[in-house]
Protein backbone atom coordinates (compact mmCIF):
# COMPACT_ATOMS: atom_id res chain seq x y z
CA MET A 1 -11.32 -21.09 7.41
CA ILE A 2 -8.12 -21.81 5.51
CA ILE A 3 -7.86 -20.37 2.02
CA THR A 4 -5.08 -21.69 -0.18
CA LEU A 5 -4.20 -19.43 -3.09
CA SER A 6 -3.39 -20.80 -6.53
CA PRO A 7 -1.63 -18.12 -8.60
CA GLN A 8 -2.67 -17.99 -12.23
CA ARG A 9 -1.78 -15.63 -15.07
CA ARG A 10 -5.13 -13.97 -15.77
CA GLU A 11 -6.31 -10.47 -16.49
CA ASP A 12 -9.63 -10.64 -14.63
CA ALA A 13 -10.14 -9.06 -11.23
CA LEU A 14 -10.91 -10.83 -7.98
CA VAL A 15 -12.69 -9.16 -5.08
CA VAL A 16 -13.60 -11.38 -2.13
CA SER A 17 -15.27 -10.61 1.16
CA VAL A 18 -15.78 -12.98 4.07
CA SER A 19 -18.82 -13.26 6.32
CA GLY A 20 -18.62 -16.29 8.59
CA ASP A 21 -18.57 -19.34 6.30
CA ALA A 22 -19.76 -17.34 3.28
CA LEU A 23 -17.59 -15.76 0.61
CA THR A 24 -18.75 -13.05 -1.73
CA ILE A 25 -16.67 -13.43 -4.87
CA ASN A 26 -17.06 -10.62 -7.39
CA ASP A 27 -20.56 -9.84 -6.03
CA GLU A 28 -21.75 -13.48 -5.99
CA VAL A 29 -22.35 -15.13 -2.59
CA PHE A 30 -21.17 -18.67 -1.87
CA ASP A 31 -22.41 -19.88 1.53
CA PHE A 32 -20.48 -22.90 2.79
CA SER A 33 -22.14 -23.05 6.21
CA VAL A 34 -24.11 -26.09 5.00
CA VAL A 35 -20.93 -28.18 4.60
CA PRO A 36 -20.87 -30.43 7.70
CA ASP A 37 -17.72 -31.53 9.47
CA GLY A 38 -15.92 -34.27 7.57
CA ALA A 39 -17.79 -33.51 4.33
CA GLU A 40 -16.53 -32.40 0.94
CA LEU A 41 -18.38 -30.28 -1.61
CA PRO A 42 -17.01 -31.28 -5.02
CA ALA A 43 -15.69 -28.62 -7.37
CA ASP A 44 -18.29 -29.40 -10.02
CA ALA A 45 -21.04 -28.47 -7.53
CA ILE A 46 -19.65 -24.94 -7.21
CA ALA A 47 -20.36 -22.59 -10.10
CA CYS A 48 -17.37 -20.31 -9.63
CA GLY A 49 -14.30 -20.09 -11.82
CA PHE A 50 -12.22 -18.73 -8.94
CA ILE A 51 -12.80 -21.71 -6.62
CA THR A 52 -10.60 -24.57 -7.70
CA GLY A 53 -10.99 -28.03 -6.27
CA SER A 54 -13.39 -29.14 -3.61
CA VAL A 55 -14.44 -27.32 -0.45
CA GLU A 56 -13.98 -29.40 2.71
CA ARG A 57 -14.67 -29.02 6.41
CA ILE A 58 -11.96 -30.78 8.43
CA ALA A 59 -12.16 -30.74 12.24
CA GLY A 60 -14.62 -27.86 12.01
CA VAL A 61 -12.41 -25.76 9.71
CA LEU A 62 -13.44 -24.91 6.17
CA HIS A 63 -10.69 -25.52 3.56
CA LEU A 64 -10.82 -24.16 0.02
CA THR A 65 -8.58 -22.98 -2.78
CA LEU A 66 -9.02 -19.73 -4.70
CA VAL A 67 -7.34 -18.80 -7.96
CA LEU A 68 -5.19 -15.72 -7.41
CA PRO A 69 -5.10 -13.89 -10.75
CA HIS A 70 -1.99 -11.90 -11.57
CA GLY A 71 -0.43 -10.07 -14.47
CA ALA A 72 2.97 -10.53 -16.00
CA ASP A 73 5.95 -10.70 -13.65
CA PRO A 74 4.20 -11.16 -10.28
CA SER A 75 5.98 -10.41 -7.02
CA PRO A 76 7.29 -13.40 -5.03
CA HIS A 77 4.44 -12.85 -2.53
CA ILE A 78 1.92 -13.38 -5.33
CA ALA A 79 3.80 -16.15 -7.14
CA PHE A 80 4.33 -18.13 -3.92
CA PRO A 81 1.53 -17.08 -1.54
CA THR A 82 1.03 -18.47 1.93
CA PRO A 83 -2.44 -19.71 2.90
CA ILE A 84 -4.84 -17.25 4.49
CA ILE A 85 -5.78 -18.68 7.87
CA ASN A 86 -8.85 -17.55 9.80
CA PRO A 87 -9.52 -14.39 7.79
CA PRO A 88 -11.65 -11.85 9.63
CA ASP A 89 -15.04 -10.88 8.26
CA GLY A 90 -14.77 -8.17 5.63
CA LEU A 91 -12.75 -7.62 2.50
CA LEU A 92 -10.13 -10.32 1.96
CA GLU A 93 -6.62 -8.96 1.55
CA PHE A 94 -4.44 -10.66 -1.03
CA PRO A 95 -0.63 -10.56 -1.19
CA GLN A 96 0.89 -7.68 -3.10
């Protein structure tokens, strides 16, 4: 799984945990194991304000983009985050 982060000035909280191809985002589960290789799940088919854009599986790897909310004056690590590649199962750690 490759998660690209899209920083956005927002006051809401984001808590994400990973379990295989499923993400639990603020207590709501989104299971992407049904997305076959080479397929794309369009953004309008995903009822989550933190997932932006489509979810794709390319060469067996799931690709998605999450909004990374931040307050005023974010650190460079938050303002310009690197993608999260192959996150382990459990609570997703975001840049500080």
